[in-house]
Amino acid sequence: MAKLSEQIAKNIKHYRKEAGLTQNAAASQLNITQTAISHWESGSRKPSYDQLDNLAQTYGIGTTELVSDPADSAPDDNSINMLTAQTPQAYSDAMVKKVEKKVASKIEEEVKQRVHEVLAKIKEND
């Protein structure tokens, strides 16, 4: 498995290309220099948490995708079946959406905390 900082660099480049952006276009949307994008993608420098969050928003993904190995984060069929089985069919669509929103908010909080921990580890290891 690649070092976490290498995985982040690889993901930044992958998701930029997937979004159909050049380094210049991404830099322009983020109000940063193309050189900054280049440094992040090569792994010679690391973006801050706020910069990772901005990258994720620009690329239309969650911050988790930028810091995770895609092979480690894909849910399997059993996980999906367990989650869907827990949703009572008696709930109205409005209630389900309300619950989904609360869950998404909680997950986002946990992801942000995890990203901060990961970035702290990167600083320790480099």
Protein backbone atom coordinates (compact mmCIF):
# COMPACT_ATOMS: atom_id res chain seq x y z
CA MET A 1 0.00 0.00 0.00
CA ALA A 2 1.23 3.47 -0.85
CA LYS A 3 2.06 6.00 1.82
CA LEU A 4 -0.95 8.12 2.68
CA SER A 5 0.64 11.28 1.31
CA GLU A 6 1.32 9.44 -1.98
CA GLN A 7 -2.29 8.23 -2.08
CA ILE A 8 -3.59 11.77 -1.58
CA ALA A 9 -1.36 13.07 -4.38
CA LYS A 10 -2.54 10.29 -6.69
CA ASN A 11 -6.20 10.98 -5.82
CA ILE A 12 -5.89 14.73 -6.38
CA LYS A 13 -4.63 14.09 -9.90
CA HIS A 14 -7.14 11.30 -10.61
CA TYR A 15 -10.20 13.28 -9.53
CA ARG A 16 -9.01 16.43 -11.33
CA LYS A 17 -8.76 14.48 -14.56
CA GLU A 18 -12.08 12.75 -13.86
CA ALA A 19 -13.65 16.22 -13.48
CA GLY A 20 -12.23 17.07 -16.91
CA LEU A 21 -10.02 19.87 -15.61
CA THR A 22 -6.47 20.84 -16.48
CA GLN A 23 -4.18 21.96 -13.68
CA ASN A 24 -4.66 25.55 -14.89
CA ALA A 25 -8.46 25.26 -14.91
CA ALA A 26 -8.54 23.69 -11.44
CA ALA A 27 -6.17 26.33 -10.11
CA SER A 28 -8.33 29.07 -11.57
CA GLN A 29 -11.47 27.68 -9.93
CA LEU A 30 -9.66 27.37 -6.60
CA ASN A 31 -8.01 30.80 -6.81
CA ILE A 32 -4.55 29.28 -6.42
CA THR A 33 -1.59 28.81 -8.74
CA GLN A 34 -1.13 25.96 -11.18
CA THR A 35 2.19 25.34 -9.42
CA ALA A 36 0.34 24.55 -6.18
CA ILE A 37 -1.76 21.92 -7.97
CA SER A 38 1.40 20.49 -9.54
CA HIS A 39 3.14 20.26 -6.14
CA TRP A 40 0.14 18.52 -4.58
CA GLU A 41 -0.16 16.04 -7.42
CA SER A 42 3.54 15.20 -7.32
CA GLY A 43 3.45 14.85 -3.54
CA SER A 44 6.22 17.41 -3.03
CA ARG A 45 3.81 19.53 -0.97
CA LYS A 46 0.59 18.74 0.85
CA PRO A 47 -2.64 20.72 0.81
CA SER A 48 -4.16 21.92 4.07
CA TYR A 49 -7.49 20.53 5.25
CA ASP A 50 -9.28 23.61 3.90
CA GLN A 51 -7.53 23.16 0.56
CA LEU A 52 -8.55 19.48 0.48
CA ASP A 53 -12.13 20.51 1.21
CA ASN A 54 -12.03 23.07 -1.62
CA LEU A 55 -10.53 20.51 -4.00
CA ALA A 56 -13.28 18.02 -3.15
CA GLN A 57 -15.98 20.60 -3.76
CA THR A 58 -14.41 21.65 -7.06
CA TYR A 59 -14.13 18.02 -8.21
CA GLY A 60 -17.66 17.19 -7.04
CA ILE A 61 -16.61 14.54 -4.53
CA GLY A 62 -16.31 14.17 -0.77
CA THR A 63 -13.11 14.87 1.11
CA THR A 64 -12.93 11.18 2.01
CA GLU A 65 -12.29 10.25 -1.61
CA LEU A 66 -9.20 12.46 -1.66
CA VAL A 67 -7.62 10.80 1.37
CA SER A 68 -8.69 7.19 0.85
CA ASP A 69 -7.45 4.31 -1.20
CA PRO A 70 -10.43 3.51 -3.46
CA ALA A 71 -9.81 -0.22 -2.98
CA ASP A 72 -10.25 0.19 0.80
CA SER A 73 -13.36 2.37 0.70
CA ALA A 74 -15.72 0.54 -1.66
CA PRO A 75 -18.67 -0.94 0.25
CA ASP A 76 -19.38 -4.59 -0.36
CA ASP A 77 -22.83 -6.08 -1.06
CA ASN A 78 -23.24 -7.27 2.54
CA SER A 79 -22.70 -3.75 3.90
CA ILE A 80 -25.23 -2.30 1.47
CA ASN A 81 -27.79 -5.01 2.29
CA MET A 82 -27.40 -4.44 6.03
CA LEU A 83 -27.96 -0.69 5.65
CA THR A 84 -30.99 -1.03 3.41
CA ALA A 85 -32.56 -3.70 5.64
CA GLN A 86 -32.51 -1.28 8.58
CA THR A 87 -34.74 1.26 6.84
CA PRO A 88 -38.37 0.52 7.81
CA GLN A 89 -40.68 0.62 4.83
CA ALA A 90 -43.32 2.30 7.00
CA TYR A 91 -41.37 5.57 7.02
CA SER A 92 -42.68 8.22 4.69
CA ASP A 93 -40.33 9.61 2.05
CA ALA A 94 -40.09 12.82 4.05
CA MET A 95 -39.02 10.97 7.19
CA VAL A 96 -36.43 8.94 5.29
CA LYS A 97 -34.97 12.11 3.77
CA LYS A 98 -34.83 13.74 7.21
CA VAL A 99 -32.98 10.74 8.64
CA GLU A 100 -30.63 10.60 5.63
CA LYS A 101 -29.79 14.27 6.10
CA LYS A 102 -28.96 13.75 9.79
CA VAL A 103 -26.84 10.70 9.00
CA ALA A 104 -25.01 12.52 6.21
CA SER A 105 -24.29 15.42 8.55
CA LYS A 106 -22.93 13.08 11.22
CA ILE A 107 -20.80 11.22 8.69
CA GLU A 108 -19.40 14.51 7.35
CA GLU A 109 -18.43 15.56 10.90
CA GLU A 110 -16.69 12.22 11.47
CA VAL A 111 -14.92 12.40 8.12
CA LYS A 112 -13.63 15.90 8.83
CA GLN A 113 -12.31 14.71 12.21
CA ARG A 114 -10.64 11.72 10.53
CA VAL A 115 -9.09 13.92 7.84
CA HIS A 116 -7.61 16.15 10.55
CA GLU A 117 -6.16 13.06 12.24
CA VAL A 118 -4.76 11.76 8.95
CA LEU A 119 -3.15 15.09 8.11
CA ALA A 120 -1.60 15.20 11.58
CA LYS A 121 -0.12 11.72 10.98
CA ILE A 122 1.25 12.82 7.63
CA LYS A 123 3.03 15.73 9.30
CA GLU A 124 4.47 13.36 11.92
CA ASN A 125 5.72 10.88 9.31
CA ASP A 126 7.24 13.41 6.92
